[in-house]
Amino acid sequence: MPSKRLGILTGGGDAPGLNAVIRAVVRTAERVYGAEVVGVLDGFAGLIERRFRPLCAADVRHLIGLGGTVLGTTNRANPFAYPLPGGGTADRSAEVVENVRAAGLDALIVIGGDGTLGIAAELGKMGVQVVAVPKTIDNDLAATDYTFGFWTAIEVATDALDRLRDTAESHHRVMLLEVMGRHAGWIALHAGLTGAADVILIPEIPYALEPVAAAVERCGNRGRSSSIVVVAEGAVRRGGDACVAEVDAVTGQERLGGAGERLKRELVALLPPSIEVRATVLGHLQRGGRPVPFDRLLATLFGERAAHLAMEGQFGRMVRLLNGRVGDCELEQAVRAAKTVDPQGEMVRAARALGIAFGDET
């Protein structure tokens, strides 16, 4: 029997396009099926604490271009390891299952990254009727070609590189830009190509310091007085580790950061004193703001597809973009593998052909 009352939540980090998904789900469910949609506030925390918000077409009318999520989100509400006020965690997943039933939700649409969707898959095993929508600016989910929010992050990073180049050329400096991406180099690689970087450092290609310094000095030898280096937050030195900024006291998860500042210190020690080096961390600017048109379109198509899956009883599925077409796949399979940059892939080959260094040159 088709579902009549859908729940929808956003979990994990925010990304441009989340609101467009919510809009598409609500409008499709209401207009095509006459169904009711209930928003769950602040991710899985809202399910545990029974915080809901009814949604109708009028509520979502202006959401397609709005960044963030009107439902709120958190990455600290894993119901299988829910934080306790006095410290420690408890398994409250059974409460989630019971609260879904008590709220009369026939299905739950979960929008999130690998962590959130992994939780959704486990709840599915416990009887929650789940449909998933992938979300991450890092673009590191293997089951889909792209995730919404990624191209907005690329635009932000590219714009930052354009601006940094202006000041780099004015002051004859080496400008380093650290971008997000966790342990995948997609943002750094795309932004480095579109922003005409001289060096791109990504987690998939461990770098040595000497080739990076040599690439910077070659810019000067070609008559250029500045250079641009893009550093993924998860970039690693050959034989070393990624920079960990802190460990979340609640979840125990490592937060990466500091790769740009580390590289700056190392380059300053190696380059001639006449070469100035400056580092900028783009950080959460990549997550905020209005989604670019492609992210709005992809989020809308994902939301529309998710609503159909939920209403037609096709649970345990995740929507995705594969070979340019929106479809779906098994959720549990979709969250098993991460998607990382192929060091021998087309984009890396193109970058090398253009003279961009990756710090592994001999």
Protein backbone atom coordinates (compact mmCIF):
# COMPACT_ATOMS: atom_id res chain seq x y z
CA MET A 1 0.00 0.00 0.00
CA PRO A 2 1.42 3.45 -0.90
CA SER A 3 2.74 5.56 1.96
CA LYS A 4 0.49 8.44 3.02
CA ARG A 5 2.57 10.26 5.63
CA LEU A 6 6.26 10.87 4.94
CA GLY A 7 8.93 12.07 7.31
CA ILE A 8 11.99 13.91 6.03
CA LEU A 9 15.20 14.87 7.81
CA THR A 10 18.61 16.35 7.03
CA GLY A 11 21.67 15.01 8.87
CA GLY A 12 25.39 15.65 9.01
CA GLY A 13 26.96 18.82 7.64
CA ASP A 14 24.91 21.31 5.68
CA ALA A 15 25.29 21.68 1.92
CA PRO A 16 23.81 24.01 -0.68
CA GLY A 17 20.76 22.26 -2.16
CA LEU A 18 19.29 20.66 0.96
CA ASN A 19 16.31 23.00 0.90
CA ALA A 20 15.76 22.30 -2.79
CA VAL A 21 15.45 18.57 -1.97
CA ILE A 22 12.93 19.31 0.78
CA ARG A 23 10.92 21.47 -1.60
CA ALA A 24 10.86 18.80 -4.31
CA VAL A 25 9.82 16.04 -1.89
CA VAL A 26 6.98 18.08 -0.42
CA ARG A 27 5.63 19.30 -3.75
CA THR A 28 5.82 15.86 -5.41
CA ALA A 29 4.26 14.00 -2.48
CA GLU A 30 1.47 16.54 -2.11
CA ARG A 31 0.67 17.22 -5.77
CA VAL A 32 1.07 13.72 -7.22
CA TYR A 33 -0.04 11.55 -4.31
CA GLY A 34 -1.96 13.81 -1.96
CA ALA A 35 0.38 12.76 0.82
CA GLU A 36 1.38 14.62 3.96
CA VAL A 37 5.02 15.43 4.68
CA VAL A 38 6.42 15.99 8.16
CA GLY A 39 9.82 17.58 8.68
CA VAL A 40 12.00 16.15 11.45
CA LEU A 41 13.99 18.91 13.13
CA ASP A 42 17.76 18.65 13.61
CA GLY A 43 18.32 15.25 12.08
CA PHE A 44 18.09 12.11 14.18
CA ALA A 45 18.00 14.25 17.33
CA GLY A 46 14.52 15.34 16.29
CA LEU A 47 13.40 11.73 16.05
CA ILE A 48 14.69 10.94 19.51
CA GLU A 49 13.20 14.10 21.02
CA ARG A 50 9.98 13.99 18.96
CA ARG A 51 10.41 17.40 17.33
CA PHE A 52 8.45 17.65 14.08
CA ARG A 53 7.20 20.31 11.68
CA PRO A 54 4.35 19.75 9.20
CA LEU A 55 5.26 20.85 5.68
CA CYS A 56 3.07 21.81 2.75
CA ALA A 57 3.69 23.33 -0.66
CA ALA A 58 3.20 26.86 0.66
CA ASP A 59 5.92 26.30 3.29
CA VAL A 60 8.54 25.36 0.72
CA ARG A 61 7.64 27.79 -2.07
CA HIS A 62 10.81 29.88 -1.83
CA LEU A 63 13.33 27.24 -0.77
CA ILE A 64 15.00 26.30 -4.06
CA GLY A 65 17.67 29.01 -3.86
CA LEU A 66 18.12 29.07 -0.08
CA GLY A 67 21.31 27.66 1.42
CA GLY A 68 21.49 25.58 4.58
CA THR A 69 18.47 23.58 5.73
CA VAL A 70 15.23 24.91 7.20
CA LEU A 71 14.89 21.68 9.18
CA GLY A 72 18.22 22.07 10.95
CA THR A 73 20.91 19.41 11.12
CA THR A 74 23.56 17.91 13.37
CA ASN A 75 26.40 15.43 13.12
CA ARG A 76 26.24 14.63 16.84
CA ALA A 77 23.04 12.60 17.03
CA ASN A 78 23.87 9.05 16.06
CA PRO A 79 21.02 7.11 17.68
CA PHE A 80 23.23 4.02 17.98
CA ALA A 81 25.75 6.03 20.04
CA TYR A 82 23.73 8.98 21.33
CA PRO A 83 25.68 11.35 23.60
CA LEU A 84 24.66 11.43 27.26
CA PRO A 85 24.66 14.70 29.27
CA GLY A 86 27.26 13.41 31.70
CA GLY A 87 29.48 11.91 29.04
CA GLY A 88 29.49 8.62 27.23
CA THR A 89 26.88 7.33 24.80
CA ALA A 90 23.80 5.13 24.75
CA ASP A 91 22.02 3.12 22.06
CA ARG A 92 18.67 4.85 21.52
CA SER A 93 17.90 3.37 18.12
CA ALA A 94 14.90 1.45 19.49
CA GLU A 95 13.40 4.80 20.56
CA VAL A 96 13.83 6.10 17.05
CA VAL A 97 11.94 3.15 15.62
CA GLU A 98 9.16 3.59 18.18
CA ASN A 99 8.94 7.36 17.62
CA VAL A 100 8.69 6.89 13.86
CA ARG A 101 5.72 4.60 14.43
CA ALA A 102 4.17 6.85 17.07
CA ALA A 103 4.35 9.82 14.68
CA GLY A 104 2.49 7.80 12.07
CA LEU A 105 5.32 8.04 9.54
CA ASP A 106 4.85 5.44 6.83
CA ALA A 107 8.31 6.19 5.42
CA LEU A 108 11.34 8.31 6.24
CA ILE A 109 13.37 10.19 3.65
CA VAL A 110 16.88 10.75 4.97
CA ILE A 111 19.19 13.30 3.32
CA GLY A 112 22.84 13.06 4.30
CA GLY A 113 26.37 11.91 3.68
CA ASP A 114 27.99 8.56 4.32
CA GLY A 115 27.62 8.74 8.10
CA THR A 116 23.96 9.75 8.05
CA LEU A 117 23.07 7.24 5.36
CA GLY A 118 24.93 4.49 7.19
CA ILE A 119 22.69 5.18 10.18
CA ALA A 120 19.65 5.15 7.89
CA ALA A 121 20.69 1.74 6.51
CA GLU A 122 20.93 0.32 10.04
CA LEU A 123 17.52 1.74 10.97
CA GLY A 124 16.16 0.09 7.83
CA LYS A 125 17.26 -3.26 9.21
CA MET A 126 15.22 -2.49 12.33
CA GLY A 127 12.04 -1.93 10.35
CA VAL A 128 12.08 1.77 9.48
CA GLN A 129 10.95 2.27 5.87
CA VAL A 130 13.82 4.38 4.56
CA VAL A 131 14.58 6.17 1.30
CA ALA A 132 17.92 7.99 1.10
CA VAL A 133 19.20 11.08 -0.70
CA PRO A 134 23.01 11.49 -0.87
CA LYS A 135 24.47 14.80 0.20
CA THR A 136 28.08 15.94 0.60
CA ILE A 137 30.12 18.79 -0.79
CA ASP A 138 33.07 16.38 -0.77
CA ASN A 139 31.56 14.32 -3.63
CA ASP A 140 33.04 11.16 -2.10
CA LEU A 141 30.10 8.74 -2.39
CA ALA A 142 30.95 6.04 -4.93
CA ALA A 143 27.39 5.17 -5.93
CA THR A 144 26.63 8.54 -7.54
CA ASP A 145 28.44 10.63 -10.14
CA TYR A 146 27.87 13.82 -8.19
CA THR A 147 26.24 14.98 -4.99
CA PHE A 148 24.50 18.33 -4.78
CA GLY A 149 26.47 21.08 -3.05
CA PHE A 150 29.72 19.98 -4.66
CA TRP A 151 29.55 22.39 -7.60
CA THR A 152 28.63 25.29 -5.33
CA ALA A 153 31.71 24.52 -3.26
CA ILE A 154 33.79 24.48 -6.45
CA GLU A 155 32.43 27.88 -7.46
CA VAL A 156 33.28 29.33 -4.05
CA ALA A 157 36.80 27.87 -4.16
CA THR A 158 37.38 29.03 -7.73
CA ASP A 159 36.24 32.54 -6.89
CA ALA A 160 38.61 32.53 -3.91
CA LEU A 161 41.51 31.49 -6.15
CA ASP A 162 40.73 34.28 -8.61
CA ARG A 163 40.79 36.78 -5.76
CA LEU A 164 43.97 35.35 -4.26
CA ARG A 165 45.69 35.58 -7.63
CA ASP A 166 45.02 39.32 -7.74
CA THR A 167 46.74 39.92 -4.43
CA ALA A 168 49.45 37.35 -5.17
CA GLU A 169 50.42 39.15 -8.35
CA SER A 170 50.22 42.55 -6.67
CA HIS A 171 52.59 41.53 -3.86
CA HIS A 172 54.65 38.90 -5.72
CA ARG A 173 53.69 36.15 -3.29
CA VAL A 174 53.00 32.44 -3.13
CA MET A 175 49.38 32.02 -2.05
CA LEU A 176 48.18 28.74 -0.53
CA LEU A 177 44.47 27.93 -0.34
CA GLU A 178 43.31 25.08 1.90
CA VAL A 179 39.97 23.58 0.85
CA MET A 180 37.66 20.94 2.28
CA GLY A 181 37.14 17.37 1.10
CA ARG A 182 38.13 15.15 4.01
CA HIS A 183 40.11 12.21 2.60
CA ALA A 184 39.09 12.84 -1.02
CA GLY A 185 40.67 15.40 -3.28
CA TRP A 186 37.73 16.23 -5.55
CA ILE A 187 37.26 19.82 -4.41
CA ALA A 188 40.98 20.59 -4.56
CA LEU A 189 41.37 18.98 -7.99
CA HIS A 190 38.36 20.66 -9.59
CA ALA A 191 39.08 24.06 -8.04
CA GLY A 192 42.76 23.81 -8.89
CA LEU A 193 41.96 23.17 -12.55
CA THR A 194 39.24 25.81 -12.83
CA GLY A 195 41.28 28.32 -10.82
CA ALA A 196 44.51 27.77 -12.80
CA ALA A 197 46.60 26.66 -9.84
CA ASP A 198 50.29 25.90 -10.21
CA VAL A 199 50.28 23.12 -7.59
CA ILE A 200 47.45 20.86 -6.36
CA LEU A 201 47.98 18.66 -3.31
CA ILE A 202 45.40 15.94 -2.68
CA PRO A 203 45.18 12.99 -0.25
CA GLU A 204 45.40 10.41 -3.03
CA ILE A 205 48.86 11.58 -4.12
CA PRO A 206 51.22 11.94 -1.14
CA TYR A 207 53.60 14.81 -1.79
CA ALA A 208 57.23 15.58 -1.07
CA LEU A 209 58.17 19.13 -0.16
CA GLU A 210 61.03 19.53 -2.64
CA PRO A 211 58.91 19.12 -5.83
CA VAL A 212 56.41 21.66 -4.47
CA ALA A 213 59.16 24.18 -3.81
CA ALA A 214 60.65 23.47 -7.23
CA ALA A 215 57.28 24.11 -8.91
CA VAL A 216 56.99 27.44 -7.11
CA GLU A 217 60.48 28.47 -8.13
CA ARG A 218 59.81 27.48 -11.75
CA CYS A 219 57.06 30.09 -11.85
CA GLY A 220 59.70 32.70 -11.06
CA ASN A 221 62.06 31.29 -13.66
CA ARG A 222 59.31 31.73 -16.28
CA GLY A 223 59.06 35.40 -15.41
CA ARG A 224 56.07 35.13 -13.08
CA SER A 225 56.26 36.86 -9.73
CA SER A 226 53.56 34.80 -8.01
CA SER A 227 52.15 31.29 -7.77
CA ILE A 228 48.99 29.57 -6.50
CA VAL A 229 48.89 26.32 -4.53
CA VAL A 230 45.66 24.47 -3.67
CA VAL A 231 45.91 22.19 -0.64
CA ALA A 232 43.21 19.67 0.26
CA GLU A 233 42.60 19.54 4.01
CA GLY A 234 43.43 15.82 3.88
CA ALA A 235 46.67 16.24 1.91
CA VAL A 236 49.51 14.09 3.28
CA ARG A 237 53.27 14.27 3.13
CA ARG A 238 54.93 11.19 1.65
CA GLY A 239 55.29 8.78 4.55
CA GLY A 240 53.28 11.06 6.83
CA ASP A 241 49.72 11.67 7.97
CA ALA A 242 46.97 14.17 7.35
CA CYS A 243 46.75 17.19 9.67
CA VAL A 244 44.18 16.72 12.42
CA ALA A 245 42.88 20.01 13.79
CA GLU A 246 40.96 18.48 16.69
CA VAL A 247 39.03 15.44 17.82
CA ASP A 248 35.33 15.97 18.47
CA ALA A 249 34.76 15.51 22.19
CA VAL A 250 31.29 14.05 21.61
CA THR A 251 31.67 11.82 18.57
CA GLY A 252 35.40 11.11 18.73
CA GLN A 253 35.70 11.95 15.04
CA GLU A 254 38.83 13.62 13.74
CA ARG A 255 38.43 17.03 12.16
CA LEU A 256 41.03 17.70 9.52
CA GLY A 257 42.69 21.07 9.17
CA GLY A 258 46.04 22.80 9.18
CA ALA A 259 47.46 21.32 5.97
CA GLY A 260 47.86 24.76 4.42
CA GLU A 261 49.57 26.29 7.44
CA ARG A 262 51.89 23.29 7.74
CA LEU A 263 52.89 23.58 4.10
CA LYS A 264 53.45 27.31 4.51
CA ARG A 265 55.91 26.76 7.38
CA GLU A 266 57.75 24.08 5.44
CA LEU A 267 58.00 26.15 2.25
CA VAL A 268 59.21 29.24 4.10
CA ALA A 269 62.05 27.16 5.53
CA LEU A 270 62.99 25.82 2.10
CA LEU A 271 62.45 28.73 -0.31
CA PRO A 272 64.70 31.79 -0.63
CA PRO A 273 63.85 34.54 1.89
CA SER A 274 62.80 36.80 -0.97
CA ILE A 275 59.75 34.60 -1.69
CA GLU A 276 56.82 35.40 0.58
CA VAL A 277 54.29 32.69 1.35
CA ARG A 278 50.77 33.25 2.67
CA ALA A 279 48.10 30.68 3.57
CA THR A 280 44.30 31.03 3.52
CA VAL A 281 41.78 28.51 4.85
CA LEU A 282 38.50 28.63 2.96
CA GLY A 283 36.71 26.48 5.54
CA HIS A 284 32.96 26.58 5.98
CA LEU A 285 32.50 29.29 3.35
CA GLN A 286 32.36 26.34 0.95
CA ARG A 287 29.20 25.04 2.64
CA GLY A 288 27.13 28.21 2.79
CA GLY A 289 25.35 30.45 0.35
CA ARG A 290 22.95 30.00 -2.52
CA PRO A 291 23.33 26.77 -4.52
CA VAL A 292 24.47 27.18 -8.11
CA PRO A 293 21.94 26.20 -10.82
CA PHE A 294 23.33 22.67 -11.31
CA ASP A 295 23.07 21.91 -7.60
CA ARG A 296 19.50 23.25 -7.55
CA LEU A 297 18.62 21.05 -10.50
CA LEU A 298 20.27 17.92 -9.11
CA ALA A 299 18.72 18.44 -5.66
CA THR A 300 15.30 18.93 -7.24
CA LEU A 301 15.58 15.77 -9.33
CA PHE A 302 16.83 13.80 -6.32
CA GLY A 303 13.94 15.02 -4.17
CA GLU A 304 11.35 14.23 -6.82
CA ARG A 305 12.74 10.72 -7.29
CA ALA A 306 12.90 10.10 -3.54
CA ALA A 307 9.26 11.06 -3.13
CA HIS A 308 8.21 8.56 -5.80
CA LEU A 309 10.28 5.79 -4.22
CA ALA A 310 8.74 6.42 -0.81
CA MET A 311 5.20 6.64 -2.10
CA GLU A 312 5.58 3.51 -4.20
CA GLY A 313 7.01 1.48 -1.32
CA GLN A 314 10.52 1.06 -2.75
CA PHE A 315 12.38 1.25 0.54
CA GLY A 316 16.03 0.68 1.34
CA ARG A 317 16.96 2.61 -1.80
CA MET A 318 19.15 5.65 -2.44
CA VAL A 319 18.65 8.04 -5.33
CA ARG A 320 21.71 8.76 -7.43
CA LEU A 321 23.05 10.26 -10.64
CA LEU A 322 24.71 7.65 -12.84
CA ASN A 323 25.97 8.36 -16.36
CA GLY A 324 23.90 11.52 -16.48
CA ARG A 325 20.61 9.90 -15.48
CA VAL A 326 18.83 10.04 -12.13
CA GLY A 327 18.01 6.59 -10.78
CA ASP A 328 18.38 4.64 -7.56
CA CYS A 329 20.31 1.78 -6.01
CA GLU A 330 20.38 -0.33 -2.87
CA LEU A 331 21.19 1.91 0.11
CA GLU A 332 23.28 -0.60 2.02
CA GLN A 333 25.49 -1.18 -1.00
CA ALA A 334 25.75 2.54 -1.75
CA VAL A 335 27.39 3.45 1.55
CA ARG A 336 30.01 0.70 1.52
CA ALA A 337 32.62 2.40 -0.66
CA ALA A 338 34.07 5.88 -0.77
CA LYS A 339 34.92 7.59 -4.05
CA THR A 340 38.41 9.04 -4.23
CA VAL A 341 40.49 10.58 -7.00
CA ASP A 342 42.27 8.15 -9.31
CA PRO A 343 45.92 9.30 -9.43
CA GLN A 344 46.07 7.95 -12.99
CA GLY A 345 42.67 9.32 -13.99
CA GLU A 346 41.74 11.74 -16.73
CA MET A 347 41.64 14.88 -14.61
CA VAL A 348 45.03 14.29 -13.03
CA ARG A 349 46.53 13.52 -16.45
CA ALA A 350 45.03 16.72 -17.85
CA ALA A 351 46.39 18.76 -14.97
CA ARG A 352 49.88 17.32 -15.41
CA ALA A 353 49.73 18.06 -19.14
CA LEU A 354 48.97 21.67 -18.29
CA GLY A 355 52.05 21.83 -16.09
CA ILE A 356 50.32 21.59 -12.71
CA ALA A 357 52.47 19.87 -10.08
CA PHE A 358 51.17 17.37 -7.51
CA GLY A 359 54.30 17.17 -5.38
CA ASP A 360 55.24 13.65 -6.45
CA GLU A 361 57.44 14.68 -9.37
CA THR A 362 60.99 13.37 -9.58
